[in-house]
PDB file of N, CA and C in Angstrom:
ATOM      1  N   MET A   1     -63.087-108.273 -70.430  1.00  0.00           N
ATOM      2  CA  MET A   1     -64.339-107.576 -70.759  1.00  0.00           C
ATOM      3  C   MET A   1     -65.156-108.358 -71.768  1.00  0.00           C
ATOM      4  N   ASN A   2     -66.601-108.574 -71.488  1.00  0.00           N
ATOM      5  CA  ASN A   2     -67.248-109.134 -72.308  1.00  0.00           C
ATOM      6  C   ASN A   2     -68.618-108.312 -72.988  1.00  0.00           C
ATOM      7  N   GLY A   3     -69.113-108.713 -73.924  1.00  0.00           N
ATOM      8  CA  GLY A   3     -70.124-107.781 -74.524  1.00  0.00           C
ATOM      9  C   GLY A   3     -70.839-108.912 -75.376  1.00  0.00           C
ATOM     10  N   ASP A   4     -72.539-109.001 -75.248  1.00  0.00           N
ATOM     11  CA  ASP A   4     -72.847-110.042 -76.131  1.00  0.00           C
ATOM     12  C   ASP A   4     -73.269-109.277 -77.699  1.00  0.00           C
ATOM     13  N   ALA A   5     -73.623-109.650 -78.525  1.00  0.00           N
ATOM     14  CA  ALA A   5     -74.377-109.094 -79.626  1.00  0.00           C
ATOM     15  C   ALA A   5     -75.300-110.267 -80.467  1.00  0.00           C
ATOM     16  N   THR A   6     -76.069-110.038 -81.310  1.00  0.00           N
ATOM     17  CA  THR A   6     -76.628-110.708 -82.166  1.00  0.00           C
ATOM     18  C   THR A   6     -76.646-110.636 -83.647  1.00  0.00           C
ATOM     19  N   LEU A   7     -76.748-111.417 -84.275  1.00  0.00           N
ATOM     20  CA  LEU A   7     -76.292-111.484 -85.695  1.00  0.00           C
ATOM     21  C   LEU A   7     -77.724-111.470 -86.576  1.00  0.00           C
ATOM     22  N   THR A   8     -77.733-110.373 -87.223  1.00  0.00           N
ATOM     23  CA  THR A   8     -79.145-110.447 -88.023  1.00  0.00           C
ATOM     24  C   THR A   8     -79.444-111.165 -89.013  1.00  0.00           C
ATOM     25  N   THR A   9     -80.634-111.260 -89.553  1.00  0.00           N
ATOM     26  CA  THR A   9     -80.930-112.315 -90.871  1.00  0.00           C
ATOM     27  C   THR A   9     -79.941-111.479 -91.982  1.00  0.00           C
ATOM     28  N   LYS A  10     -79.598-110.114 -92.108  1.00  0.00           N
ATOM     29  CA  LYS A  10     -78.472-109.829 -93.139  1.00  0.00           C
ATOM     30  C   LYS A  10     -77.096-109.956 -92.686  1.00  0.00           C
ATOM     31  N   GLY A  11     -76.884-110.541 -91.707  1.00  0.00           N
ATOM     32  CA  GLY A  11     -75.268-110.488 -91.311  1.00  0.00           C
ATOM     33  C   GLY A  11     -74.879-109.531 -90.591  1.00  0.00           C
ATOM     34  N   GLN A  12     -75.434-108.637 -90.115  1.00  0.00           N
ATOM     35  CA  GLN A  12     -74.964-107.627 -89.454  1.00  0.00           C
ATOM     36  C   GLN A  12     -75.119-107.666 -87.705  1.00  0.00           C
ATOM     37  N   THR A  13     -74.188-107.013 -87.133  1.00  0.00           N
ATOM     38  CA  THR A  13     -74.394-106.814 -85.768  1.00  0.00           C
ATOM     39  C   THR A  13     -73.801-105.805 -85.117  1.00  0.00           C
ATOM     40  N   THR A  14     -74.292-105.570 -83.984  1.00  0.00           N
ATOM     41  CA  THR A  14     -74.003-103.946 -83.517  1.00  0.00           C
ATOM     42  C   THR A  14     -72.896-104.660 -82.259  1.00  0.00           C
ATOM     43  N   ILE A  15     -71.546-103.513 -82.068  1.00  0.00           N
ATOM     44  CA  ILE A  15     -70.445-104.068 -81.629  1.00  0.00           C
ATOM     45  C   ILE A  15     -70.976-103.322 -79.974  1.00  0.00           C
ATOM     46  N   PRO A  16     -70.863-103.840 -78.956  1.00  0.00           N
ATOM     47  CA  PRO A  16     -71.394-103.623 -77.887  1.00  0.00           C
ATOM     48  C   PRO A  16     -70.509-102.173 -77.221  1.00  0.00           C
ATOM     49  N   LYS A  17     -71.247-101.368 -76.728  1.00  0.00           N
ATOM     50  CA  LYS A  17     -71.274 -99.479 -76.668  1.00  0.00           C
ATOM     51  C   LYS A  17     -69.869-100.137 -75.407  1.00  0.00           C
ATOM     52  N   VAL A  18     -69.804-100.990 -74.586  1.00  0.00           N
ATOM     53  CA  VAL A  18     -68.478-101.047 -73.682  1.00  0.00           C
ATOM     54  C   VAL A  18     -67.393-101.182 -74.435  1.00  0.00           C
ATOM     55  N   ILE A  19     -67.309-102.013 -75.516  1.00  0.00           N
ATOM     56  CA  ILE A  19     -65.966-102.387 -76.597  1.00  0.00           C
ATOM     57  C   ILE A  19     -65.824-101.331 -77.525  1.00  0.00           C
ATOM     58  N   ARG A  20     -67.112-100.573 -78.167  1.00  0.00           N
ATOM     59  CA  ARG A  20     -66.531 -99.490 -78.786  1.00  0.00           C
ATOM     60  C   ARG A  20     -66.252 -97.981 -77.815  1.00  0.00           C
ATOM     61  N   ASP A  21     -66.638 -98.257 -76.939  1.00  0.00           N
ATOM     62  CA  ASP A  21     -65.686 -97.018 -75.893  1.00  0.00           C
ATOM     63  C   ASP A  21     -64.454 -97.072 -75.643  1.00  0.00           C
ATOM     64  N   THR A  22     -64.321 -98.304 -75.240  1.00  0.00           N
ATOM     65  CA  THR A  22     -62.784 -99.031 -74.828  1.00  0.00           C
ATOM     66  C   THR A  22     -61.929 -98.443 -76.075  1.00  0.00           C
ATOM     67  N   LEU A  23     -62.181 -98.895 -77.129  1.00  0.00           N
ATOM     68  CA  LEU A  23     -61.393 -98.832 -78.286  1.00  0.00           C
ATOM     69  C   LEU A  23     -61.602 -97.728 -79.154  1.00  0.00           C
ATOM     70  N   ALA A  24     -62.250 -97.031 -78.485  1.00  0.00           N
ATOM     71  CA  ALA A  24     -62.446 -95.487 -79.101  1.00  0.00           C
ATOM     72  C   ALA A  24     -62.650 -95.582 -80.451  1.00  0.00           C
ATOM     73  N   MET A  25     -63.817 -96.347 -80.758  1.00  0.00           N
ATOM     74  CA  MET A  25     -64.318 -96.725 -82.042  1.00  0.00           C
ATOM     75  C   MET A  25     -65.079 -95.393 -82.530  1.00  0.00           C
ATOM     76  N   LYS A  26     -65.455 -95.064 -83.581  1.00  0.00           N
ATOM     77  CA  LYS A  26     -66.076 -93.983 -84.094  1.00  0.00           C
ATOM     78  C   LYS A  26     -66.432 -94.428 -85.647  1.00  0.00           C
ATOM     79  N   PRO A  27     -67.720 -93.770 -86.062  1.00  0.00           N
ATOM     80  CA  PRO A  27     -68.548 -94.306 -87.403  1.00  0.00           C
ATOM     81  C   PRO A  27     -67.215 -94.121 -88.501  1.00  0.00           C
ATOM     82  N   GLY A  28     -67.259 -94.993 -89.450  1.00  0.00           N
ATOM     83  CA  GLY A  28     -66.333 -95.190 -90.379  1.00  0.00           C
ATOM     84  C   GLY A  28     -64.890 -95.796 -90.189  1.00  0.00           C
ATOM     85  N   ASP A  29     -64.819 -96.235 -88.790  1.00  0.00           N
ATOM     86  CA  ASP A  29     -63.457 -97.067 -88.681  1.00  0.00           C
ATOM     87  C   ASP A  29     -63.659 -98.110 -89.377  1.00  0.00           C
ATOM     88  N   ARG A  30     -62.620 -98.971 -89.750  1.00  0.00           N
ATOM     89  CA  ARG A  30     -62.363-100.228 -90.404  1.00  0.00           C
ATOM     90  C   ARG A  30     -62.006-101.222 -89.404  1.00  0.00           C
ATOM     91  N   LEU A  31     -62.680-102.443 -89.596  1.00  0.00           N
ATOM     92  CA  LEU A  31     -62.354-103.701 -88.537  1.00  0.00           C
ATOM     93  C   LEU A  31     -61.562-104.412 -89.692  1.00  0.00           C
ATOM     94  N   THR A  32     -60.686-105.353 -88.908  1.00  0.00           N
ATOM     95  CA  THR A  32     -60.340-106.491 -89.418  1.00  0.00           C
ATOM     96  C   THR A  32     -60.440-107.764 -88.608  1.00  0.00           C
ATOM     97  N   PHE A  33     -61.148-108.845 -89.411  1.00  0.00           N
ATOM     98  CA  PHE A  33     -61.424-110.386 -88.810  1.00  0.00           C
ATOM     99  C   PHE A  33     -60.327-111.042 -89.265  1.00  0.00           C
ATOM    100  N   THR A  34     -59.664-111.810 -88.111  1.00  0.00           N
ATOM    101  CA  THR A  34     -58.752-112.689 -88.657  1.00  0.00           C
ATOM    102  C   THR A  34     -59.319-113.995 -87.760  1.00  0.00           C
ATOM    103  N   LEU A  35     -59.770-114.961 -88.397  1.00  0.00           N
ATOM    104  CA  LEU A  35     -59.892-116.552 -88.069  1.00  0.00           C
ATOM    105  C   LEU A  35     -58.653-117.383 -87.276  1.00  0.00           C
ATOM    106  N   MET A  36     -58.425-117.232 -86.351  1.00  0.00           N
ATOM    107  CA  MET A  36     -57.519-118.185 -85.836  1.00  0.00           C
ATOM    108  C   MET A  36     -57.760-119.913 -85.220  1.00  0.00           C
ATOM    109  N   PRO A  37     -56.709-120.551 -85.400  1.00  0.00           N
ATOM    110  CA  PRO A  37     -57.437-121.988 -85.049  1.00  0.00           C
ATOM    111  C   PRO A  37     -57.682-122.198 -84.072  1.00  0.00           C
ATOM    112  N   GLY A  38     -58.753-123.330 -83.941  1.00  0.00           N
ATOM    113  CA  GLY A  38     -59.597-123.412 -82.822  1.00  0.00           C
ATOM    114  C   GLY A  38     -60.998-122.584 -83.182  1.00  0.00           C
ATOM    115  N   GLY A  39     -60.845-121.761 -83.916  1.00  0.00           N
ATOM    116  CA  GLY A  39     -62.163-120.985 -83.744  1.00  0.00           C
ATOM    117  C   GLY A  39     -62.386-119.660 -83.286  1.00  0.00           C
ATOM    118  N   THR A  40     -61.220-119.250 -82.679  1.00  0.00           N
ATOM    119  CA  THR A  40     -61.131-117.920 -82.304  1.00  0.00           C
ATOM    120  C   THR A  40     -60.995-116.751 -83.250  1.00  0.00           C
ATOM    121  N   VAL A  41     -62.031-115.839 -83.140  1.00  0.00           N
ATOM    122  CA  VAL A  41     -61.858-114.794 -83.958  1.00  0.00           C
ATOM    123  C   VAL A  41     -61.029-113.481 -83.692  1.00  0.00           C
ATOM    124  N   VAL A  42     -60.124-112.991 -84.038  1.00  0.00           N
ATOM    125  CA  VAL A  42     -59.469-111.441 -83.479  1.00  0.00           C
ATOM    126  C   VAL A  42     -60.117-110.474 -84.245  1.00  0.00           C
ATOM    127  N   MET A  43     -60.469-109.459 -83.707  1.00  0.00           N
ATOM    128  CA  MET A  43     -60.818-108.187 -84.258  1.00  0.00           C
ATOM    129  C   MET A  43     -59.982-107.218 -84.161  1.00  0.00           C
ATOM    130  N   ARG A  44     -59.596-106.655 -85.290  1.00  0.00           N
ATOM    131  CA  ARG A  44     -58.709-105.530 -84.867  1.00  0.00           C
ATOM    132  C   ARG A  44     -59.404-104.179 -85.162  1.00  0.00           C
ATOM    133  N   VAL A  45     -59.264-102.852 -84.876  1.00  0.00           N
ATOM    134  CA  VAL A  45     -59.838-101.691 -85.226  1.00  0.00           C
ATOM    135  C   VAL A  45     -58.742-101.237 -85.894  1.00  0.00           C
ATOM    136  N   LYS A  46     -59.190-100.270 -87.066  1.00  0.00           N
ATOM    137  CA  LYS A  46     -57.948 -99.910 -87.770  1.00  0.00           C
ATOM    138  C   LYS A  46     -58.560 -98.206 -87.890  1.00  0.00           C
ATOM    139  N   ASN A  47     -58.127 -97.569 -86.407  1.00  0.00           N
ATOM    140  CA  ASN A  47     -58.693 -96.031 -86.723  1.00  0.00           C
ATOM    141  C   ASN A  47     -57.494 -95.245 -86.356  1.00  0.00           C
ATOM    142  N   LYS A  48     -56.465 -95.796 -86.356  1.00  0.00           N
ATOM    143  CA  LYS A  48     -55.177 -95.050 -86.441  1.00  0.00           C
ATOM    144  C   LYS A  48     -54.886 -94.572 -87.866  1.00  0.00           C
ATOM    145  N   ARG A  49     -54.479 -92.865 -87.853  1.00  0.00           N
ATOM    146  CA  ARG A  49     -53.900 -92.365 -89.001  1.00  0.00           C
ATOM    147  C   ARG A  49     -52.702 -92.455 -88.862  1.00  0.00           C
ATOM    148  N   VAL A  50     -52.008 -92.308 -90.344  1.00  0.00           N
ATOM    149  CA  VAL A  50     -50.634 -92.228 -90.369  1.00  0.00           C
ATOM    150  C   VAL A  50     -50.004 -91.162 -89.930  1.00  0.00           C
ATOM    151  N   MET A  51     -50.447 -89.917 -89.702  1.00  0.00           N
ATOM    152  CA  MET A  51     -49.960 -89.126 -89.002  1.00  0.00           C
ATOM    153  C   MET A  51     -50.056 -89.326 -87.467  1.00  0.00           C
ATOM    154  N   GLU A  52     -50.907 -89.965 -86.847  1.00  0.00           N
ATOM    155  CA  GLU A  52     -50.907 -89.784 -85.502  1.00  0.00           C
ATOM    156  C   GLU A  52     -49.613 -91.137 -85.116  1.00  0.00           C
ATOM    157  N   LEU A  53     -49.321 -91.682 -86.071  1.00  0.00           N
ATOM    158  CA  LEU A  53     -48.222 -92.853 -85.595  1.00  0.00           C
ATOM    159  C   LEU A  53     -46.868 -92.122 -85.751  1.00  0.00           C
ATOM    160  N   ALA A  54     -46.890 -90.837 -86.035  1.00  0.00           N
ATOM    161  CA  ALA A  54     -45.429 -90.161 -86.326  1.00  0.00           C
ATOM    162  C   ALA A  54     -44.696 -90.375 -85.178  1.00  0.00           C
ATOM    163  N   GLY A  55     -43.232 -90.325 -85.215  1.00  0.00           N
ATOM    164  CA  GLY A  55     -42.684 -90.387 -84.433  1.00  0.00           C
ATOM    165  C   GLY A  55     -42.453 -91.826 -83.054  1.00  0.00           C
ATOM    166  N   THR A  56     -43.636 -92.821 -83.327  1.00  0.00           N
ATOM    167  CA  THR A  56     -43.718 -93.907 -82.411  1.00  0.00           C
ATOM    168  C   THR A  56     -42.523 -94.905 -82.651  1.00  0.00           C
ATOM    169  N   LEU A  57     -41.758 -94.631 -83.836  1.00  0.00           N
ATOM    170  CA  LEU A  57     -40.555 -95.371 -84.239  1.00  0.00           C
ATOM    171  C   LEU A  57     -39.302 -94.975 -83.953  1.00  0.00           C
ATOM    172  N   ARG A  58     -39.356 -93.582 -83.232  1.00  0.00           N
ATOM    173  CA  ARG A  58     -38.217 -92.863 -82.955  1.00  0.00           C
ATOM    174  C   ARG A  58     -37.140 -93.564 -82.345  1.00  0.00           C
ATOM    175  N   LYS A  59     -35.931 -93.344 -82.839  1.00  0.00           N
ATOM    176  CA  LYS A  59     -34.648 -94.133 -82.338  1.00  0.00           C
ATOM    177  C   LYS A  59     -34.179 -92.838 -81.563  1.00  0.00           C
ATOM    178  N   LYS A  60     -33.615 -93.337 -80.253  1.00  0.00           N
ATOM    179  CA  LYS A  60     -33.008 -92.177 -79.743  1.00  0.00           C
ATOM    180  C   LYS A  60     -31.418 -91.717 -80.170  1.00  0.00           C
ATOM    181  N   GLY A  61     -31.101 -90.718 -80.313  1.00  0.00           N
ATOM    182  CA  GLY A  61     -30.001 -89.940 -81.255  1.00  0.00           C
ATOM    183  C   GLY A  61     -29.873 -90.080 -82.734  1.00  0.00           C
ATOM    184  N   ARG A  62     -31.417 -90.545 -83.397  1.00  0.00           N
ATOM    185  CA  ARG A  62     -31.255 -90.302 -84.545  1.00  0.00           C
ATOM    186  C   ARG A  62     -32.097 -89.393 -85.362  1.00  0.00           C
ATOM    187  N   LYS A  63     -31.822 -88.793 -85.994  1.00  0.00           N
ATOM    188  CA  LYS A  63     -32.863 -87.495 -86.831  1.00  0.00           C
ATOM    189  C   LYS A  63     -33.866 -88.221 -87.258  1.00  0.00           C
ATOM    190  N   PRO A  64     -35.245 -87.565 -87.052  1.00  0.00           N
ATOM    191  CA  PRO A  64     -36.348 -87.684 -87.690  1.00  0.00           C
ATOM    192  C   PRO A  64     -36.250 -87.731 -89.185  1.00  0.00           C
ATOM    193  N   VAL A  65     -37.183 -88.776 -89.875  1.00  0.00           N
ATOM    194  CA  VAL A  65     -37.428 -88.351 -91.336  1.00  0.00           C
ATOM    195  C   VAL A  65     -38.591 -87.863 -91.579  1.00  0.00           C
ATOM    196  N   PRO A  66     -38.944 -86.957 -92.122  1.00  0.00           N
ATOM    197  CA  PRO A  66     -40.328 -86.411 -92.806  1.00  0.00           C
ATOM    198  C   PRO A  66     -40.829 -87.703 -93.521  1.00  0.00           C
ATOM    199  N   ILE A  67     -42.199 -87.423 -93.396  1.00  0.00           N
ATOM    200  CA  ILE A  67     -43.295 -88.785 -94.052  1.00  0.00           C
ATOM    201  C   ILE A  67     -42.733 -88.427 -95.292  1.00  0.00           C
ATOM    202  N   GLU A  68     -42.830 -87.481 -96.042  1.00  0.00           N
ATOM    203  CA  GLU A  68     -42.868 -87.236 -97.397  1.00  0.00           C
ATOM    204  C   GLU A  68     -41.189 -88.102 -97.931  1.00  0.00           C
ATOM    205  N   GLN A  69     -40.364 -88.028 -97.289  1.00  0.00           N
ATOM    206  CA  GLN A  69     -39.151 -88.562 -97.790  1.00  0.00           C
ATOM    207  C   GLN A  69     -38.911 -90.384 -97.365  1.00  0.00           C
ATOM    208  N   LEU A  70     -39.941 -90.871 -96.715  1.00  0.00           N
ATOM    209  CA  LEU A  70     -40.204 -92.220 -96.379  1.00  0.00           C
ATOM    210  C   LEU A  70     -40.264 -93.105 -97.911  1.00  0.00           C
ATOM    211  N   SER A  71     -39.688 -93.915 -98.026  1.00  0.00           N
ATOM    212  CA  SER A  71     -39.432 -94.827 -99.376  1.00  0.00           C
ATOM    213  C   SER A  71     -40.675 -95.927 -99.160  1.00  0.00           C
ATOM    214  N   ARG A  72     -41.154 -96.080-100.204  1.00  0.00           N
ATOM    215  CA  ARG A  72     -42.612 -97.101 -99.994  1.00  0.00           C
ATOM    216  C   ARG A  72     -42.137 -98.244-100.539  1.00  0.00           C
TER     217      ARG A  72
END
């Protein structure tokens, strides 16, 4: 999937709609850019909330731990 964008004189750009829609991006989402060797840039969208991740690491046969009881 490709999308072209132009950098403005203020260093801003618009992420193409097809990319925004595919990644379910919405206003206020945070982005992280990582420069890889060779000049490739990886962009990650930080739009997952902690409560949306609840249960994703569930281990079969193990009792769930409430988020309030997790250690930092």
